[in-house]
Amino acid sequence: MTATALPAGVLLLLVGLVLCFAGGRSLRLTGLCLGFALAWAFADLLGADGPVGLVIAVGGAIAGLVLVSLVFRFAMWVIGGLAGATIALKVYVHVALGEGSALVAVLFAAALGLIVGFLADRYREPLLAAVTALSGASIILNALATLAPSSLAFLGQPTTGVQSALATAAWVILAVVGWLVQHRALRTRAERVS
């Protein structure tokens, strides 16, 4: 593991944990985390090394926060779009198994981002909890792959069908747990208000 992989992996893990288990609580925090994660995913997909990827991810975090702050009226679209793009990249990596085109990945991320952005604006909190749990779980698995590349690299970029199935199962299970935690928090908050 390189000297920059450990702090970058830990930071990525923290971002993933926040998104997976508390993503629906704060739009600004979620915009910051999703901007970081999406920029990191694109940098990684395009082959950037650790320090460059980290700088790109920090820039993406700032851009995500600024974007949500500037367009707060359309924040659910932005959050849904960023989360959808993050989810799309995870799905694309699992389907392509390391053989895909970066252009196709970008187009797929943009298309799914628009769809999820629309749905997030329409269905608000329930969908936001689901997409941030999926995004966060994806980021957690990518962080684990970064932190332990010799044994867990397949969680970030599977190269065989079996690896993809295992990583997908881990992603779905972690996302469901994250959604359950967020759903419980939303229900508790709604009970306090009424």
N, C-alpha and C. Protein backbone atom coordinates (compact mmCIF):
# COMPACT_ATOMS: atom_id res chain seq x y z
N MET A 1 0.85 -1.18 0.00
CA MET A 1 0.00 0.00 0.00
C MET A 1 0.89 1.23 0.00
N THR A 2 0.57 2.20 -0.84
CA THR A 2 1.36 3.42 -0.90
C THR A 2 1.06 4.29 0.30
N ALA A 3 1.92 5.27 0.53
CA ALA A 3 1.75 6.16 1.68
C ALA A 3 0.47 6.98 1.58
N THR A 4 0.04 7.30 0.37
CA THR A 4 -1.18 8.10 0.22
C THR A 4 -2.44 7.25 0.17
N ALA A 5 -2.30 5.94 -0.07
CA ALA A 5 -3.49 5.08 -0.17
C ALA A 5 -4.19 4.95 1.18
N LEU A 6 -3.43 4.90 2.27
CA LEU A 6 -4.05 4.74 3.59
C LEU A 6 -4.93 5.94 3.96
N PRO A 7 -4.41 7.20 3.95
CA PRO A 7 -5.30 8.30 4.28
C PRO A 7 -6.44 8.47 3.29
N ALA A 8 -6.16 8.25 2.01
CA ALA A 8 -7.22 8.37 1.01
C ALA A 8 -8.28 7.30 1.23
N GLY A 9 -7.86 6.09 1.52
CA GLY A 9 -8.81 5.01 1.77
C GLY A 9 -9.64 5.25 3.02
N VAL A 10 -9.00 5.77 4.07
CA VAL A 10 -9.73 6.07 5.30
C VAL A 10 -10.73 7.19 5.07
N LEU A 11 -10.32 8.23 4.35
CA LEU A 11 -11.22 9.33 4.04
C LEU A 11 -12.40 8.85 3.19
N LEU A 12 -12.12 8.02 2.21
CA LEU A 12 -13.17 7.45 1.37
C LEU A 12 -14.11 6.59 2.21
N LEU A 13 -13.57 5.83 3.14
CA LEU A 13 -14.39 5.00 4.03
C LEU A 13 -15.31 5.88 4.89
N LEU A 14 -14.78 6.96 5.43
CA LEU A 14 -15.60 7.87 6.25
C LEU A 14 -16.72 8.50 5.43
N VAL A 15 -16.42 8.92 4.23
CA VAL A 15 -17.44 9.50 3.34
C VAL A 15 -18.52 8.46 3.07
N GLY A 16 -18.11 7.24 2.78
CA GLY A 16 -19.07 6.18 2.52
C GLY A 16 -19.96 5.88 3.72
N LEU A 17 -19.37 5.84 4.90
CA LEU A 17 -20.14 5.59 6.12
C LEU A 17 -21.18 6.68 6.37
N VAL A 18 -20.76 7.94 6.19
CA VAL A 18 -21.70 9.05 6.38
C VAL A 18 -22.86 8.94 5.39
N LEU A 19 -22.54 8.71 4.12
CA LEU A 19 -23.60 8.61 3.11
C LEU A 19 -24.51 7.41 3.36
N CYS A 20 -23.92 6.26 3.64
CA CYS A 20 -24.70 5.04 3.78
C CYS A 20 -25.65 5.10 4.97
N PHE A 21 -25.19 5.64 6.09
CA PHE A 21 -25.98 5.56 7.31
C PHE A 21 -26.63 6.87 7.74
N ALA A 22 -26.26 7.99 7.12
CA ALA A 22 -26.86 9.28 7.51
C ALA A 22 -27.04 10.23 6.34
N GLY A 23 -27.01 9.71 5.12
CA GLY A 23 -27.04 10.56 3.93
C GLY A 23 -28.27 11.42 3.78
N GLY A 24 -29.40 10.97 4.28
CA GLY A 24 -30.63 11.73 4.10
C GLY A 24 -30.85 12.83 5.11
N ARG A 25 -29.94 13.02 6.04
CA ARG A 25 -30.15 14.00 7.12
C ARG A 25 -29.79 15.44 6.74
N SER A 26 -28.77 15.63 5.93
CA SER A 26 -28.32 16.98 5.59
C SER A 26 -27.99 17.04 4.10
N LEU A 27 -28.68 17.90 3.38
CA LEU A 27 -28.42 18.01 1.94
C LEU A 27 -27.03 18.56 1.67
N ARG A 28 -26.58 19.51 2.46
CA ARG A 28 -25.24 20.07 2.23
C ARG A 28 -24.15 19.04 2.48
N LEU A 29 -24.25 18.31 3.58
CA LEU A 29 -23.27 17.27 3.88
C LEU A 29 -23.31 16.19 2.81
N THR A 30 -24.51 15.83 2.38
CA THR A 30 -24.64 14.82 1.35
C THR A 30 -24.05 15.31 0.03
N GLY A 31 -24.28 16.58 -0.33
CA GLY A 31 -23.68 17.14 -1.54
C GLY A 31 -22.16 17.12 -1.48
N LEU A 32 -21.61 17.45 -0.32
CA LEU A 32 -20.16 17.42 -0.11
C LEU A 32 -19.63 15.99 -0.29
N CYS A 33 -20.27 15.04 0.37
CA CYS A 33 -19.82 13.65 0.30
C CYS A 33 -19.98 13.07 -1.10
N LEU A 34 -21.11 13.33 -1.74
CA LEU A 34 -21.33 12.79 -3.08
C LEU A 34 -20.40 13.42 -4.10
N GLY A 35 -20.13 14.72 -3.97
CA GLY A 35 -19.17 15.36 -4.87
C GLY A 35 -17.79 14.72 -4.74
N PHE A 36 -17.37 14.47 -3.48
CA PHE A 36 -16.10 13.80 -3.22
C PHE A 36 -16.09 12.41 -3.86
N ALA A 37 -17.14 11.64 -3.57
CA ALA A 37 -17.18 10.26 -4.04
C ALA A 37 -17.23 10.15 -5.56
N LEU A 38 -18.05 10.99 -6.18
CA LEU A 38 -18.17 10.93 -7.63
C LEU A 38 -16.86 11.34 -8.30
N ALA A 39 -16.23 12.40 -7.81
CA ALA A 39 -14.95 12.82 -8.38
C ALA A 39 -13.89 11.74 -8.17
N TRP A 40 -13.89 11.12 -7.00
CA TRP A 40 -12.93 10.03 -6.72
C TRP A 40 -13.18 8.86 -7.68
N ALA A 41 -14.45 8.50 -7.88
CA ALA A 41 -14.78 7.37 -8.75
C ALA A 41 -14.34 7.63 -10.19
N PHE A 42 -14.59 8.84 -10.68
CA PHE A 42 -14.15 9.16 -12.05
C PHE A 42 -12.63 9.19 -12.14
N ALA A 43 -11.96 9.77 -11.14
CA ALA A 43 -10.49 9.81 -11.16
C ALA A 43 -9.93 8.40 -11.15
N ASP A 44 -10.51 7.52 -10.34
CA ASP A 44 -10.06 6.14 -10.25
C ASP A 44 -10.33 5.40 -11.56
N LEU A 45 -11.52 5.60 -12.12
CA LEU A 45 -11.89 4.95 -13.38
C LEU A 45 -10.94 5.36 -14.51
N LEU A 46 -10.51 6.61 -14.48
CA LEU A 46 -9.63 7.12 -15.53
C LEU A 46 -8.16 6.89 -15.24
N GLY A 47 -7.84 6.22 -14.11
CA GLY A 47 -6.47 5.80 -13.83
C GLY A 47 -5.61 6.79 -13.06
N ALA A 48 -6.21 7.75 -12.37
CA ALA A 48 -5.41 8.71 -11.60
C ALA A 48 -4.79 7.99 -10.40
N ASP A 49 -3.56 8.38 -10.04
CA ASP A 49 -2.93 7.77 -8.87
C ASP A 49 -3.48 8.43 -7.59
N GLY A 50 -3.08 7.92 -6.43
CA GLY A 50 -3.63 8.34 -5.15
C GLY A 50 -3.66 9.83 -4.89
N PRO A 51 -2.51 10.52 -4.94
CA PRO A 51 -2.52 11.96 -4.63
C PRO A 51 -3.36 12.78 -5.62
N VAL A 52 -3.26 12.46 -6.89
CA VAL A 52 -4.04 13.18 -7.89
C VAL A 52 -5.53 12.91 -7.69
N GLY A 53 -5.88 11.65 -7.43
CA GLY A 53 -7.27 11.29 -7.18
C GLY A 53 -7.83 12.00 -5.96
N LEU A 54 -7.00 12.13 -4.93
CA LEU A 54 -7.43 12.82 -3.71
C LEU A 54 -7.68 14.30 -3.97
N VAL A 55 -6.81 14.94 -4.72
CA VAL A 55 -7.00 16.36 -5.06
C VAL A 55 -8.26 16.53 -5.89
N ILE A 56 -8.47 15.65 -6.85
CA ILE A 56 -9.68 15.71 -7.68
C ILE A 56 -10.91 15.50 -6.81
N ALA A 57 -10.84 14.55 -5.88
CA ALA A 57 -11.98 14.26 -5.00
C ALA A 57 -12.31 15.43 -4.09
N VAL A 58 -11.29 16.09 -3.55
CA VAL A 58 -11.53 17.27 -2.70
C VAL A 58 -12.16 18.38 -3.54
N GLY A 59 -11.68 18.56 -4.76
CA GLY A 59 -12.30 19.54 -5.66
C GLY A 59 -13.75 19.17 -5.95
N GLY A 60 -14.02 17.89 -6.14
CA GLY A 60 -15.39 17.43 -6.36
C GLY A 60 -16.27 17.67 -5.14
N ALA A 61 -15.71 17.48 -3.94
CA ALA A 61 -16.46 17.73 -2.71
C ALA A 61 -16.86 19.19 -2.61
N ILE A 62 -15.92 20.06 -2.89
CA ILE A 62 -16.20 21.50 -2.84
C ILE A 62 -17.24 21.85 -3.91
N ALA A 63 -17.09 21.29 -5.10
CA ALA A 63 -18.05 21.55 -6.17
C ALA A 63 -19.44 21.04 -5.80
N GLY A 64 -19.53 19.85 -5.18
CA GLY A 64 -20.81 19.32 -4.76
C GLY A 64 -21.48 20.20 -3.73
N LEU A 65 -20.70 20.69 -2.76
CA LEU A 65 -21.24 21.57 -1.73
C LEU A 65 -21.71 22.89 -2.34
N VAL A 66 -20.88 23.47 -3.19
CA VAL A 66 -21.24 24.73 -3.84
C VAL A 66 -22.48 24.55 -4.72
N LEU A 67 -22.51 23.47 -5.46
CA LEU A 67 -23.65 23.22 -6.34
C LEU A 67 -24.94 23.10 -5.55
N VAL A 68 -24.92 22.34 -4.45
CA VAL A 68 -26.13 22.21 -3.63
C VAL A 68 -26.50 23.54 -3.01
N SER A 69 -25.51 24.30 -2.56
CA SER A 69 -25.78 25.60 -1.94
C SER A 69 -26.36 26.60 -2.94
N LEU A 70 -25.84 26.60 -4.16
CA LEU A 70 -26.31 27.55 -5.17
C LEU A 70 -27.71 27.22 -5.67
N VAL A 71 -27.99 25.98 -5.75
CA VAL A 71 -29.26 25.58 -6.34
C VAL A 71 -30.13 24.85 -5.30
N PHE A 72 -30.20 25.42 -4.11
CA PHE A 72 -30.90 24.74 -3.03
C PHE A 72 -32.33 24.38 -3.41
N ARG A 73 -32.96 25.20 -4.22
CA ARG A 73 -34.31 24.89 -4.66
C ARG A 73 -34.35 23.59 -5.46
N PHE A 74 -33.29 23.32 -6.17
CA PHE A 74 -33.19 22.11 -6.98
C PHE A 74 -32.25 21.09 -6.35
N ALA A 75 -32.03 21.22 -5.05
CA ALA A 75 -31.06 20.38 -4.36
C ALA A 75 -31.38 18.89 -4.48
N MET A 76 -32.64 18.54 -4.41
CA MET A 76 -32.99 17.12 -4.52
C MET A 76 -32.61 16.57 -5.89
N TRP A 77 -32.76 17.39 -6.94
CA TRP A 77 -32.31 16.98 -8.27
C TRP A 77 -30.80 16.76 -8.26
N VAL A 78 -30.08 17.71 -7.69
CA VAL A 78 -28.62 17.62 -7.67
C VAL A 78 -28.16 16.41 -6.86
N ILE A 79 -28.71 16.25 -5.65
CA ILE A 79 -28.32 15.13 -4.80
C ILE A 79 -28.68 13.81 -5.49
N GLY A 80 -29.89 13.73 -6.01
CA GLY A 80 -30.30 12.52 -6.72
C GLY A 80 -29.43 12.25 -7.93
N GLY A 81 -29.08 13.30 -8.65
CA GLY A 81 -28.22 13.14 -9.82
C GLY A 81 -26.82 12.67 -9.47
N LEU A 82 -26.25 13.26 -8.43
CA LEU A 82 -24.91 12.83 -8.00
C LEU A 82 -24.93 11.39 -7.49
N ALA A 83 -25.95 11.07 -6.68
CA ALA A 83 -26.07 9.70 -6.16
C ALA A 83 -26.30 8.71 -7.30
N GLY A 84 -27.16 9.07 -8.24
CA GLY A 84 -27.41 8.20 -9.37
C GLY A 84 -26.17 7.95 -10.20
N ALA A 85 -25.37 8.98 -10.40
CA ALA A 85 -24.13 8.81 -11.16
C ALA A 85 -23.15 7.92 -10.41
N THR A 86 -23.08 8.06 -9.08
CA THR A 86 -22.19 7.21 -8.28
C THR A 86 -22.64 5.75 -8.37
N ILE A 87 -23.94 5.53 -8.27
CA ILE A 87 -24.49 4.17 -8.37
C ILE A 87 -24.22 3.61 -9.77
N ALA A 88 -24.41 4.44 -10.79
CA ALA A 88 -24.19 4.00 -12.18
C ALA A 88 -22.75 3.54 -12.39
N LEU A 89 -21.80 4.27 -11.83
CA LEU A 89 -20.41 3.87 -11.99
C LEU A 89 -20.14 2.52 -11.32
N LYS A 90 -20.74 2.28 -10.16
CA LYS A 90 -20.57 1.00 -9.48
C LYS A 90 -21.16 -0.12 -10.32
N VAL A 91 -22.37 0.09 -10.84
CA VAL A 91 -23.01 -0.93 -11.68
C VAL A 91 -22.16 -1.17 -12.93
N TYR A 92 -21.68 -0.09 -13.55
CA TYR A 92 -20.89 -0.21 -14.77
C TYR A 92 -19.61 -1.02 -14.54
N VAL A 93 -18.94 -0.77 -13.43
CA VAL A 93 -17.70 -1.51 -13.12
C VAL A 93 -18.01 -3.00 -12.95
N HIS A 94 -19.14 -3.31 -12.35
CA HIS A 94 -19.49 -4.72 -12.15
C HIS A 94 -19.90 -5.40 -13.46
N VAL A 95 -20.54 -4.67 -14.34
CA VAL A 95 -20.97 -5.26 -15.60
C VAL A 95 -19.80 -5.36 -16.58
N ALA A 96 -18.96 -4.35 -16.64
CA ALA A 96 -17.86 -4.32 -17.61
C ALA A 96 -16.68 -5.19 -17.19
N LEU A 97 -16.53 -5.48 -15.89
CA LEU A 97 -15.43 -6.30 -15.36
C LEU A 97 -14.06 -5.84 -15.87
N GLY A 98 -13.84 -4.52 -15.83
CA GLY A 98 -12.54 -3.97 -16.19
C GLY A 98 -12.31 -3.80 -17.67
N GLU A 99 -13.28 -4.10 -18.50
CA GLU A 99 -13.10 -4.05 -19.94
C GLU A 99 -13.89 -2.93 -20.61
N GLY A 100 -14.49 -2.03 -19.84
CA GLY A 100 -15.40 -1.03 -20.39
C GLY A 100 -14.73 0.21 -20.92
N SER A 101 -15.53 1.02 -21.55
CA SER A 101 -15.09 2.29 -22.12
C SER A 101 -15.43 3.42 -21.14
N ALA A 102 -14.50 4.33 -20.95
CA ALA A 102 -14.73 5.47 -20.05
C ALA A 102 -15.86 6.36 -20.58
N LEU A 103 -15.97 6.50 -21.89
CA LEU A 103 -17.04 7.32 -22.47
C LEU A 103 -18.41 6.70 -22.18
N VAL A 104 -18.53 5.41 -22.32
CA VAL A 104 -19.80 4.74 -22.03
C VAL A 104 -20.13 4.89 -20.54
N ALA A 105 -19.11 4.79 -19.68
CA ALA A 105 -19.32 4.96 -18.24
C ALA A 105 -19.85 6.37 -17.93
N VAL A 106 -19.28 7.37 -18.56
CA VAL A 106 -19.72 8.76 -18.35
C VAL A 106 -21.16 8.94 -18.83
N LEU A 107 -21.48 8.42 -20.00
CA LEU A 107 -22.84 8.53 -20.53
C LEU A 107 -23.84 7.80 -19.65
N PHE A 108 -23.48 6.61 -19.19
CA PHE A 108 -24.36 5.84 -18.31
C PHE A 108 -24.56 6.58 -16.99
N ALA A 109 -23.47 7.14 -16.43
CA ALA A 109 -23.57 7.90 -15.17
C ALA A 109 -24.47 9.12 -15.34
N ALA A 110 -24.33 9.82 -16.46
CA ALA A 110 -25.16 11.00 -16.70
C ALA A 110 -26.63 10.61 -16.86
N ALA A 111 -26.91 9.55 -17.59
CA ALA A 111 -28.30 9.13 -17.81
C ALA A 111 -28.95 8.69 -16.50
N LEU A 112 -28.27 7.83 -15.75
CA LEU A 112 -28.86 7.37 -14.49
C LEU A 112 -28.94 8.51 -13.49
N GLY A 113 -27.97 9.41 -13.52
CA GLY A 113 -28.01 10.58 -12.65
C GLY A 113 -29.24 11.43 -12.90
N LEU A 114 -29.58 11.66 -14.16
CA LEU A 114 -30.78 12.44 -14.48
C LEU A 114 -32.06 11.73 -14.02
N ILE A 115 -32.12 10.44 -14.23
CA ILE A 115 -33.30 9.67 -13.83
C ILE A 115 -33.47 9.71 -12.31
N VAL A 116 -32.39 9.43 -11.58
CA VAL A 116 -32.48 9.41 -10.12
C VAL A 116 -32.71 10.82 -9.59
N GLY A 117 -32.15 11.83 -10.24
CA GLY A 117 -32.40 13.22 -9.83
C GLY A 117 -33.88 13.56 -9.92
N PHE A 118 -34.51 13.16 -11.01
CA PHE A 118 -35.95 13.38 -11.16
C PHE A 118 -36.73 12.66 -10.07
N LEU A 119 -36.40 11.38 -9.85
CA LEU A 119 -37.11 10.60 -8.84
C LEU A 119 -36.89 11.14 -7.43
N ALA A 120 -35.68 11.60 -7.14
CA ALA A 120 -35.39 12.16 -5.82
C ALA A 120 -36.20 13.43 -5.58
N ASP A 121 -36.36 14.24 -6.59
CA ASP A 121 -37.17 15.45 -6.44
C ASP A 121 -38.63 15.10 -6.21
N ARG A 122 -39.07 14.06 -6.85
CA ARG A 122 -40.48 13.66 -6.76
C ARG A 122 -40.80 12.94 -5.45
N TYR A 123 -39.91 12.06 -4.99
CA TYR A 123 -40.21 11.23 -3.82
C TYR A 123 -39.43 11.60 -2.57
N ARG A 124 -38.56 12.57 -2.65
CA ARG A 124 -37.84 13.18 -1.53
C ARG A 124 -37.18 12.21 -0.57
N GLU A 125 -37.56 12.28 0.71
CA GLU A 125 -36.84 11.58 1.78
C GLU A 125 -36.72 10.07 1.60
N PRO A 126 -37.78 9.35 1.25
CA PRO A 126 -37.62 7.90 1.12
C PRO A 126 -36.60 7.51 0.04
N LEU A 127 -36.67 8.18 -1.11
CA LEU A 127 -35.73 7.85 -2.17
C LEU A 127 -34.33 8.35 -1.84
N LEU A 128 -34.24 9.51 -1.19
CA LEU A 128 -32.92 10.02 -0.82
C LEU A 128 -32.22 9.05 0.13
N ALA A 129 -32.96 8.49 1.07
CA ALA A 129 -32.36 7.50 1.98
C ALA A 129 -31.86 6.29 1.20
N ALA A 130 -32.63 5.84 0.23
CA ALA A 130 -32.24 4.66 -0.55
C ALA A 130 -31.01 4.93 -1.42
N VAL A 131 -31.00 6.05 -2.15
CA VAL A 131 -29.87 6.29 -3.05
C VAL A 131 -28.60 6.67 -2.30
N THR A 132 -28.73 7.35 -1.16
CA THR A 132 -27.51 7.63 -0.39
C THR A 132 -26.98 6.36 0.27
N ALA A 133 -27.87 5.44 0.65
CA ALA A 133 -27.41 4.16 1.19
C ALA A 133 -26.68 3.36 0.11
N LEU A 134 -27.23 3.33 -1.10
CA LEU A 134 -26.56 2.63 -2.20
C LEU A 134 -25.22 3.28 -2.54
N SER A 135 -25.21 4.60 -2.62
CA SER A 135 -23.96 5.32 -2.93
C SER A 135 -22.94 5.10 -1.83
N GLY A 136 -23.37 5.26 -0.59
CA GLY A 136 -22.46 5.09 0.53
C GLY A 136 -21.88 3.69 0.60
N ALA A 137 -22.72 2.68 0.37
CA ALA A 137 -22.24 1.30 0.38
C ALA A 137 -21.20 1.08 -0.72
N SER A 138 -21.45 1.66 -1.88
CA SER A 138 -20.49 1.57 -2.98
C SER A 138 -19.15 2.18 -2.60
N ILE A 139 -19.20 3.33 -1.95
CA ILE A 139 -17.98 4.03 -1.57
C ILE A 139 -17.24 3.25 -0.48
N ILE A 140 -17.98 2.67 0.46
CA ILE A 140 -17.36 1.86 1.51
C ILE A 140 -16.60 0.70 0.89
N LEU A 141 -17.21 0.01 -0.07
CA LEU A 141 -16.53 -1.12 -0.71
C LEU A 141 -15.30 -0.66 -1.49
N ASN A 142 -15.40 0.49 -2.17
CA ASN A 142 -14.23 1.02 -2.88
C ASN A 142 -13.13 1.40 -1.89
N ALA A 143 -13.51 1.93 -0.73
CA ALA A 143 -12.51 2.28 0.29
C ALA A 143 -11.83 1.02 0.81
N LEU A 144 -12.59 -0.03 1.07
CA LEU A 144 -12.00 -1.28 1.53
C LEU A 144 -11.04 -1.85 0.48
N ALA A 145 -11.41 -1.72 -0.80
CA ALA A 145 -10.53 -2.17 -1.88
C ALA A 145 -9.24 -1.35 -1.90
N THR A 146 -9.34 -0.06 -1.59
CA THR A 146 -8.16 0.81 -1.54
C THR A 146 -7.29 0.48 -0.34
N LEU A 147 -7.92 0.20 0.79
CA LEU A 147 -7.18 -0.07 2.02
C LEU A 147 -6.52 -1.45 2.03
N ALA A 148 -7.12 -2.42 1.37
CA ALA A 148 -6.55 -3.78 1.33
C ALA A 148 -6.57 -4.30 -0.11
N PRO A 149 -5.73 -3.72 -0.97
CA PRO A 149 -5.81 -4.08 -2.38
C PRO A 149 -5.44 -5.53 -2.68
N SER A 150 -4.60 -6.14 -1.86
CA SER A 150 -4.21 -7.52 -2.17
C SER A 150 -5.33 -8.51 -1.92
N SER A 151 -6.21 -8.23 -0.98
CA SER A 151 -7.27 -9.19 -0.68
C SER A 151 -8.68 -8.70 -1.03
N LEU A 152 -8.89 -7.39 -1.09
CA LEU A 152 -10.24 -6.87 -1.30
C LEU A 152 -10.40 -6.03 -2.56
N ALA A 153 -9.43 -6.05 -3.45
CA ALA A 153 -9.50 -5.23 -4.67
C ALA A 153 -10.76 -5.53 -5.47
N PHE A 154 -11.23 -6.77 -5.43
CA PHE A 154 -12.41 -7.15 -6.20
C PHE A 154 -13.67 -6.40 -5.76
N LEU A 155 -13.68 -5.86 -4.53
CA LEU A 155 -14.84 -5.09 -4.09
C LEU A 155 -14.97 -3.79 -4.87
N GLY A 156 -13.85 -3.24 -5.31
CA GLY A 156 -13.86 -2.00 -6.09
C GLY A 156 -13.95 -2.23 -7.57
N GLN A 157 -13.19 -3.21 -8.08
CA GLN A 157 -13.19 -3.50 -9.51
C GLN A 157 -13.07 -5.01 -9.71
N PRO A 158 -14.21 -5.69 -9.72
CA PRO A 158 -14.17 -7.14 -9.95
C PRO A 158 -13.72 -7.46 -11.37
N THR A 159 -13.02 -8.57 -11.52
CA THR A 159 -12.54 -8.96 -12.84
C THR A 159 -13.13 -10.29 -13.31
N THR A 160 -13.86 -10.97 -12.43
CA THR A 160 -14.51 -12.23 -12.82
C THR A 160 -15.98 -12.17 -12.41
N GLY A 161 -16.74 -13.07 -12.95
CA GLY A 161 -18.15 -13.13 -12.60
C GLY A 161 -18.39 -13.45 -11.14
N VAL A 162 -17.57 -14.33 -10.59
CA VAL A 162 -17.71 -14.69 -9.17
C VAL A 162 -17.38 -13.49 -8.28
N GLN A 163 -16.30 -12.79 -8.60
CA GLN A 163 -15.95 -11.59 -7.84
C GLN A 163 -17.06 -10.56 -7.92
N SER A 164 -17.63 -10.39 -9.11
CA SER A 164 -18.70 -9.42 -9.28
C SER A 164 -19.92 -9.82 -8.45
N ALA A 165 -20.25 -11.10 -8.44
CA ALA A 165 -21.40 -11.58 -7.66
C ALA A 165 -21.17 -11.34 -6.17
N LEU A 166 -19.97 -11.65 -5.67
CA LEU A 166 -19.66 -11.44 -4.25
C LEU A 166 -19.69 -9.95 -3.90
N ALA A 167 -19.08 -9.13 -4.74
CA ALA A 167 -19.05 -7.69 -4.48
C ALA A 167 -20.45 -7.09 -4.56
N THR A 168 -21.25 -7.55 -5.50
CA THR A 168 -22.62 -7.06 -5.62
C THR A 168 -23.44 -7.45 -4.40
N ALA A 169 -23.29 -8.68 -3.94
CA ALA A 169 -24.00 -9.13 -2.74
C ALA A 169 -23.60 -8.28 -1.53
N ALA A 170 -22.30 -8.03 -1.37
CA ALA A 170 -21.83 -7.19 -0.26
C ALA A 170 -22.40 -5.78 -0.39
N TRP A 171 -22.43 -5.25 -1.61
CA TRP A 171 -22.97 -3.90 -1.86
C TRP A 171 -24.44 -3.82 -1.48
N VAL A 172 -25.22 -4.79 -1.93
CA VAL A 172 -26.66 -4.77 -1.67
C VAL A 172 -26.94 -4.93 -0.17
N ILE A 173 -26.26 -5.87 0.48
CA ILE A 173 -26.48 -6.09 1.91
C ILE A 173 -26.13 -4.84 2.71
N LEU A 174 -24.99 -4.25 2.43
CA LEU A 174 -24.57 -3.03 3.13
C LEU A 174 -25.55 -1.89 2.86
N ALA A 175 -26.01 -1.76 1.63
CA ALA A 175 -26.97 -0.70 1.29
C ALA A 175 -28.30 -0.91 2.02
N VAL A 176 -28.75 -2.14 2.11
CA VAL A 176 -30.01 -2.42 2.82
C VAL A 176 -29.87 -2.05 4.30
N VAL A 177 -28.75 -2.41 4.90
CA VAL A 177 -28.52 -2.05 6.31
C VAL A 177 -28.50 -0.52 6.46
N GLY A 178 -27.81 0.16 5.56
CA GLY A 178 -27.77 1.63 5.59
C GLY A 178 -29.15 2.23 5.43
N TRP A 179 -29.94 1.69 4.49
CA TRP A 179 -31.29 2.19 4.29
C TRP A 179 -32.15 1.96 5.52
N LEU A 180 -32.02 0.79 6.15
CA LEU A 180 -32.79 0.51 7.36
C LEU A 180 -32.46 1.49 8.48
N VAL A 181 -31.17 1.80 8.64
CA VAL A 181 -30.76 2.78 9.66
C VAL A 181 -31.36 4.15 9.34
N GLN A 182 -31.26 4.58 8.09
CA GLN A 182 -31.82 5.88 7.71
C GLN A 182 -33.35 5.89 7.81
N HIS A 183 -33.99 4.81 7.39
CA HIS A 183 -35.44 4.73 7.45
C HIS A 183 -35.92 4.83 8.90
N ARG A 184 -35.23 4.16 9.79
CA ARG A 184 -35.58 4.21 11.21
C ARG A 184 -35.42 5.64 11.74
N ALA A 185 -34.34 6.31 11.35
CA ALA A 185 -34.12 7.69 11.78
C ALA A 185 -35.20 8.61 11.24
N LEU A 186 -35.61 8.41 9.98
CA LEU A 186 -36.68 9.22 9.39
C LEU A 186 -37.99 8.99 10.13
N ARG A 187 -38.29 7.74 10.45
CA ARG A 187 -39.52 7.42 11.16
C ARG A 187 -39.51 8.02 12.56
N THR A 188 -38.37 7.94 13.24
CA THR A 188 -38.25 8.52 14.58
C THR A 188 -38.44 10.03 14.52
N ARG A 189 -37.83 10.68 13.53
CA ARG A 189 -37.96 12.13 13.39
C ARG A 189 -39.41 12.52 13.09
N ALA A 190 -40.09 11.74 12.26
CA ALA A 190 -41.49 12.02 11.94
C ALA A 190 -42.38 11.84 13.17
N GLU A 191 -42.08 10.87 14.00
CA GLU A 191 -42.85 10.64 15.22
C GLU A 191 -42.67 11.78 16.21
N ARG A 192 -41.46 12.34 16.28
CA ARG A 192 -41.19 13.46 17.17
C ARG A 192 -41.93 14.72 16.74
N VAL A 193 -42.08 14.90 15.42
CA VAL A 193 -42.74 16.08 14.88
C VAL A 193 -44.25 16.00 15.11
N SER A 194 -44.81 14.80 15.01
CA SER A 194 -46.27 14.69 15.16
C SER A 194 -46.74 14.56 16.58
